[in-house]
């Protein structure tokens, strides 16, 4: 009997992480998340490891956002990221300019997605305006980290977190 292998099942997804250099604590949190994803087989790309001295920062960002081999772009949002994104400030602002067009053309709506690691005064995730209408994963409560990490990993691997049950038969009374 020949075993059929589905290459998508065995593929290591390629994920670029976009975030703001808010402070050391936030940077360490993002790195810890990236390391966990790496341990779980995800090919993580982020500036801290992949942008080398002497390389052009904007070229790196543009390549990550437009590269067809990058399966997902994870946008880690906190209040500083939101502020920079909404005002188009610094590296975040430049990335946003690149991403807005790509997001508009992402017909599957699967490549670009946000993770909120902080809430605003109204209790919603600190999500910038260009991502406001998109569903995001809320990592703002440390107690829910494992559950939300599981949601994130399912999404990155293209697996359903909440699997839709199979449809039943039409009941006799409706035939």
C-alpha atoms as a PDB file:
ATOM      1  CA  UNK A   1       0.000   0.000   0.000  1.00  0.00           C
ATOM      2  CA  UNK A   2       1.411   3.385  -1.022  1.00  0.00           C
ATOM      3  CA  UNK A   3       1.333   6.121   1.563  1.00  0.00           C
ATOM      4  CA  UNK A   4       0.060   9.419   0.171  1.00  0.00           C
ATOM      5  CA  UNK A   5       1.768  12.449   1.677  1.00  0.00           C
ATOM      6  CA  UNK A   6       0.207  15.880   1.657  1.00  0.00           C
ATOM      7  CA  UNK A   7       3.099  18.353   1.409  1.00  0.00           C
ATOM      8  CA  UNK A   8       1.035  21.098   3.059  1.00  0.00           C
ATOM      9  CA  UNK A   9       0.773  18.963   6.200  1.00  0.00           C
ATOM     10  CA  UNK A  10       4.556  18.615   6.460  1.00  0.00           C
ATOM     11  CA  UNK A  11       5.407  22.161   5.371  1.00  0.00           C
ATOM     12  CA  UNK A  12       7.083  24.520   7.815  1.00  0.00           C
ATOM     13  CA  UNK A  13       5.079  27.740   7.452  1.00  0.00           C
ATOM     14  CA  UNK A  14       7.112  30.898   6.941  1.00  0.00           C
ATOM     15  CA  UNK A  15       6.040  33.756   9.238  1.00  0.00           C
ATOM     16  CA  UNK A  16       7.280  37.353   9.356  1.00  0.00           C
ATOM     17  CA  UNK A  17       6.731  39.222  12.630  1.00  0.00           C
ATOM     18  CA  UNK A  18       6.101  42.964  12.471  1.00  0.00           C
ATOM     19  CA  UNK A  19       6.169  44.835  15.800  1.00  0.00           C
ATOM     20  CA  UNK A  20       7.209  48.074  17.426  1.00  0.00           C
ATOM     21  CA  UNK A  21      10.361  48.330  19.538  1.00  0.00           C
ATOM     22  CA  UNK A  22       8.319  49.622  22.484  1.00  0.00           C
ATOM     23  CA  UNK A  23      10.670  48.681  25.314  1.00  0.00           C
ATOM     24  CA  UNK A  24      12.870  45.775  26.423  1.00  0.00           C
ATOM     25  CA  UNK A  25      10.001  43.947  28.140  1.00  0.00           C
ATOM     26  CA  UNK A  26       7.839  44.057  25.015  1.00  0.00           C
ATOM     27  CA  UNK A  27      10.788  43.104  22.795  1.00  0.00           C
ATOM     28  CA  UNK A  28      11.554  40.133  25.067  1.00  0.00           C
ATOM     29  CA  UNK A  29       7.884  39.064  24.905  1.00  0.00           C
ATOM     30  CA  UNK A  30       7.924  39.156  21.091  1.00  0.00           C
ATOM     31  CA  UNK A  31      11.220  37.217  20.982  1.00  0.00           C
ATOM     32  CA  UNK A  32       9.871  34.594  23.418  1.00  0.00           C
ATOM     33  CA  UNK A  33       6.790  34.178  21.209  1.00  0.00           C
ATOM     34  CA  UNK A  34       8.996  33.872  18.113  1.00  0.00           C
ATOM     35  CA  UNK A  35      11.223  31.297  19.829  1.00  0.00           C
ATOM     36  CA  UNK A  36       8.183  29.232  20.837  1.00  0.00           C
ATOM     37  CA  UNK A  37       6.904  29.307  17.253  1.00  0.00           C
ATOM     38  CA  UNK A  38      10.363  28.220  16.041  1.00  0.00           C
ATOM     39  CA  UNK A  39      10.321  25.327  18.514  1.00  0.00           C
ATOM     40  CA  UNK A  40       6.935  24.363  17.058  1.00  0.00           C
ATOM     41  CA  UNK A  41       8.328  24.167  13.528  1.00  0.00           C
ATOM     42  CA  UNK A  42       7.441  27.613  12.182  1.00  0.00           C
ATOM     43  CA  UNK A  43      10.097  29.357  10.077  1.00  0.00           C
ATOM     44  CA  UNK A  44      10.044  32.731  11.870  1.00  0.00           C
ATOM     45  CA  UNK A  45      11.586  35.818  10.308  1.00  0.00           C
ATOM     46  CA  UNK A  46      12.082  38.981  12.324  1.00  0.00           C
ATOM     47  CA  UNK A  47      14.396  41.949  12.224  1.00  0.00           C
ATOM     48  CA  UNK A  48      16.257  40.956  15.384  1.00  0.00           C
ATOM     49  CA  UNK A  49      17.616  37.812  13.689  1.00  0.00           C
ATOM     50  CA  UNK A  50      17.331  38.416   9.978  1.00  0.00           C
ATOM     51  CA  UNK A  51      18.091  42.115   9.396  1.00  0.00           C
ATOM     52  CA  UNK A  52      21.887  42.379   9.372  1.00  0.00           C
ATOM     53  CA  UNK A  53      24.059  45.435   9.938  1.00  0.00           C
ATOM     54  CA  UNK A  54      24.586  47.257   6.663  1.00  0.00           C
ATOM     55  CA  UNK A  55      21.344  45.951   5.156  1.00  0.00           C
ATOM     56  CA  UNK A  56      18.701  48.397   3.979  1.00  0.00           C
ATOM     57  CA  UNK A  57      15.875  48.302   6.552  1.00  0.00           C
ATOM     58  CA  UNK A  58      13.120  49.331   4.128  1.00  0.00           C
ATOM     59  CA  UNK A  59      14.178  46.773   1.509  1.00  0.00           C
ATOM     60  CA  UNK A  60      14.016  44.071   4.206  1.00  0.00           C
ATOM     61  CA  UNK A  61      10.513  45.151   5.236  1.00  0.00           C
ATOM     62  CA  UNK A  62       9.309  45.330   1.645  1.00  0.00           C
ATOM     63  CA  UNK A  63      10.691  41.880   0.872  1.00  0.00           C
ATOM     64  CA  UNK A  64       8.978  40.337   3.893  1.00  0.00           C
ATOM     65  CA  UNK A  65       5.617  41.927   3.140  1.00  0.00           C
ATOM     66  CA  UNK A  66       5.610  41.143  -0.584  1.00  0.00           C
ATOM     67  CA  UNK A  67       7.546  37.843  -0.677  1.00  0.00           C
ATOM     68  CA  UNK A  68       5.227  35.085  -1.937  1.00  0.00           C
ATOM     69  CA  UNK A  69       7.153  32.489   0.087  1.00  0.00           C
ATOM     70  CA  UNK A  70       6.147  34.235   3.338  1.00  0.00           C
ATOM     71  CA  UNK A  71       2.900  32.489   4.303  1.00  0.00           C
ATOM     72  CA  UNK A  72       1.838  34.803   7.132  1.00  0.00           C
ATOM     73  CA  UNK A  73       2.636  38.279   8.409  1.00  0.00           C
ATOM     74  CA  UNK A  74       1.961  38.523  12.150  1.00  0.00           C
ATOM     75  CA  UNK A  75       1.439  42.113  13.255  1.00  0.00           C
ATOM     76  CA  UNK A  76       2.028  42.412  17.014  1.00  0.00           C
ATOM     77  CA  UNK A  77       0.001  45.402  18.200  1.00  0.00           C
ATOM     78  CA  UNK A  78       0.380  47.437  21.361  1.00  0.00           C
ATOM     79  CA  UNK A  79      -0.417  51.088  22.072  1.00  0.00           C
ATOM     80  CA  UNK A  80       2.898  52.317  20.618  1.00  0.00           C
ATOM     81  CA  UNK A  81       2.482  50.246  17.453  1.00  0.00           C
ATOM     82  CA  UNK A  82      -1.047  51.660  17.051  1.00  0.00           C
ATOM     83  CA  UNK A  83       0.195  55.225  17.559  1.00  0.00           C
ATOM     84  CA  UNK A  84       3.054  54.819  15.048  1.00  0.00           C
ATOM     85  CA  UNK A  85       0.885  52.961  12.530  1.00  0.00           C
ATOM     86  CA  UNK A  86      -1.989  55.451  12.660  1.00  0.00           C
ATOM     87  CA  UNK A  87       0.399  58.423  12.269  1.00  0.00           C
ATOM     88  CA  UNK A  88       2.697  56.570   9.815  1.00  0.00           C
ATOM     89  CA  UNK A  89       5.760  57.208  12.027  1.00  0.00           C
ATOM     90  CA  UNK A  90       9.159  55.502  11.718  1.00  0.00           C
ATOM     91  CA  UNK A  91       9.728  51.920  10.650  1.00  0.00           C
ATOM     92  CA  UNK A  92       6.216  50.917  11.694  1.00  0.00           C
ATOM     93  CA  UNK A  93       4.782  53.694   9.541  1.00  0.00           C
ATOM     94  CA  UNK A  94       6.845  52.567   6.567  1.00  0.00           C
ATOM     95  CA  UNK A  95       5.753  48.951   7.029  1.00  0.00           C
ATOM     96  CA  UNK A  96       2.124  50.049   7.236  1.00  0.00           C
ATOM     97  CA  UNK A  97       2.452  51.902   3.922  1.00  0.00           C
ATOM     98  CA  UNK A  98       3.769  48.690   2.362  1.00  0.00           C
ATOM     99  CA  UNK A  99       1.169  46.465   4.005  1.00  0.00           C
ATOM    100  CA  UNK A 100      -1.974  48.495   3.304  1.00  0.00           C
ATOM    101  CA  UNK A 101      -1.856  47.789  -0.415  1.00  0.00           C
ATOM    102  CA  UNK A 102      -0.901  44.147   0.104  1.00  0.00           C
ATOM    103  CA  UNK A 103      -3.732  43.674   2.596  1.00  0.00           C
ATOM    104  CA  UNK A 104      -6.213  45.223   0.165  1.00  0.00           C
ATOM    105  CA  UNK A 105      -5.070  42.734  -2.486  1.00  0.00           C
ATOM    106  CA  UNK A 106      -5.001  39.720  -0.131  1.00  0.00           C
ATOM    107  CA  UNK A 107      -8.174  38.166  -1.513  1.00  0.00           C
ATOM    108  CA  UNK A 108      -7.935  35.137   0.775  1.00  0.00           C
ATOM    109  CA  UNK A 109      -7.568  37.437   3.811  1.00  0.00           C
ATOM    110  CA  UNK A 110      -5.175  34.863   5.265  1.00  0.00           C
ATOM    111  CA  UNK A 111      -1.669  36.347   5.025  1.00  0.00           C
ATOM    112  CA  UNK A 112      -1.859  39.416   7.273  1.00  0.00           C
ATOM    113  CA  UNK A 113      -3.254  39.164  10.781  1.00  0.00           C
ATOM    114  CA  UNK A 114      -2.988  41.011  14.071  1.00  0.00           C
ATOM    115  CA  UNK A 115      -2.228  39.998  17.599  1.00  0.00           C
ATOM    116  CA  UNK A 116      -3.213  42.465  20.349  1.00  0.00           C
ATOM    117  CA  UNK A 117      -0.959  42.323  23.385  1.00  0.00           C
ATOM    118  CA  UNK A 118      -2.451  45.391  25.073  1.00  0.00           C
ATOM    119  CA  UNK A 119      -5.940  46.841  25.550  1.00  0.00           C
ATOM    120  CA  UNK A 120      -7.019  50.453  25.160  1.00  0.00           C
ATOM    121  CA  UNK A 121      -9.085  52.515  27.636  1.00  0.00           C
ATOM    122  CA  UNK A 122     -12.320  51.055  26.213  1.00  0.00           C
ATOM    123  CA  UNK A 123     -11.125  47.493  26.846  1.00  0.00           C
ATOM    124  CA  UNK A 124     -10.544  46.628  23.180  1.00  0.00           C
ATOM    125  CA  UNK A 125      -7.261  45.496  21.681  1.00  0.00           C
ATOM    126  CA  UNK A 126      -4.830  48.259  20.664  1.00  0.00           C
ATOM    127  CA  UNK A 127      -5.329  47.675  16.951  1.00  0.00           C
ATOM    128  CA  UNK A 128      -4.361  50.360  14.406  1.00  0.00           C
ATOM    129  CA  UNK A 129      -7.011  51.825  12.132  1.00  0.00           C
ATOM    130  CA  UNK A 130      -5.845  49.936   9.038  1.00  0.00           C
ATOM    131  CA  UNK A 131      -6.565  46.620  10.825  1.00  0.00           C
ATOM    132  CA  UNK A 132      -9.627  47.644  12.891  1.00  0.00           C
ATOM    133  CA  UNK A 133     -12.148  45.692  10.822  1.00  0.00           C
ATOM    134  CA  UNK A 134     -10.101  42.476  10.949  1.00  0.00           C
ATOM    135  CA  UNK A 135     -10.536  39.663  13.441  1.00  0.00           C
ATOM    136  CA  UNK A 136      -7.469  39.410  15.689  1.00  0.00           C
ATOM    137  CA  UNK A 137      -6.063  37.213  18.457  1.00  0.00           C
ATOM    138  CA  UNK A 138      -6.147  38.910  21.870  1.00  0.00           C
ATOM    139  CA  UNK A 139      -3.004  38.159  23.885  1.00  0.00           C
ATOM    140  CA  UNK A 140      -3.564  41.034  26.334  1.00  0.00           C
ATOM    141  CA  UNK A 141      -4.407  38.749  29.289  1.00  0.00           C
ATOM    142  CA  UNK A 142      -1.370  36.673  30.338  1.00  0.00           C
ATOM    143  CA  UNK A 143      -3.684  34.084  31.914  1.00  0.00           C
ATOM    144  CA  UNK A 144      -5.029  33.217  28.459  1.00  0.00           C
ATOM    145  CA  UNK A 145      -1.611  32.906  26.819  1.00  0.00           C
ATOM    146  CA  UNK A 146      -1.689  29.140  26.233  1.00  0.00           C
ATOM    147  CA  UNK A 147      -5.198  29.171  24.771  1.00  0.00           C
ATOM    148  CA  UNK A 148      -4.339  32.070  22.471  1.00  0.00           C
ATOM    149  CA  UNK A 149      -0.999  30.545  21.526  1.00  0.00           C
ATOM    150  CA  UNK A 150      -2.907  27.438  20.462  1.00  0.00           C
ATOM    151  CA  UNK A 151      -5.242  29.618  18.354  1.00  0.00           C
ATOM    152  CA  UNK A 152      -2.221  31.332  16.788  1.00  0.00           C
ATOM    153  CA  UNK A 153      -0.453  28.046  15.996  1.00  0.00           C
ATOM    154  CA  UNK A 154      -3.600  26.574  14.457  1.00  0.00           C
ATOM    155  CA  UNK A 155      -3.960  29.632  12.224  1.00  0.00           C
ATOM    156  CA  UNK A 156      -0.289  29.693  11.204  1.00  0.00           C
ATOM    157  CA  UNK A 157      -0.506  26.011  10.238  1.00  0.00           C
ATOM    158  CA  UNK A 158      -3.778  26.560   8.377  1.00  0.00           C
ATOM    159  CA  UNK A 159      -5.729  24.343  10.746  1.00  0.00           C
ATOM    160  CA  UNK A 160      -9.165  25.008  12.161  1.00  0.00           C
ATOM    161  CA  UNK A 161      -9.209  25.841  15.852  1.00  0.00           C
ATOM    162  CA  UNK A 162     -12.974  25.497  16.046  1.00  0.00           C
ATOM    163  CA  UNK A 163     -13.853  22.710  13.661  1.00  0.00           C
ATOM    164  CA  UNK A 164     -17.298  22.970  12.129  1.00  0.00           C
ATOM    165  CA  UNK A 165     -19.322  19.835  12.881  1.00  0.00           C
ATOM    166  CA  UNK A 166     -20.543  17.778   9.932  1.00  0.00           C
ATOM    167  CA  UNK A 167     -23.931  18.630   8.487  1.00  0.00           C
ATOM    168  CA  UNK A 168     -26.663  16.132   9.316  1.00  0.00           C
ATOM    169  CA  UNK A 169     -29.426  14.699   7.172  1.00  0.00           C
ATOM    170  CA  UNK A 170     -32.639  16.569   6.389  1.00  0.00           C
ATOM    171  CA  UNK A 171     -35.168  15.551   9.059  1.00  0.00           C
ATOM    172  CA  UNK A 172     -38.152  13.541   7.815  1.00  0.00           C
ATOM    173  CA  UNK A 173     -40.590  16.301   8.843  1.00  0.00           C
ATOM    174  CA  UNK A 174     -38.961  18.738   6.367  1.00  0.00           C
ATOM    175  CA  UNK A 175     -38.981  16.425   3.348  1.00  0.00           C
END
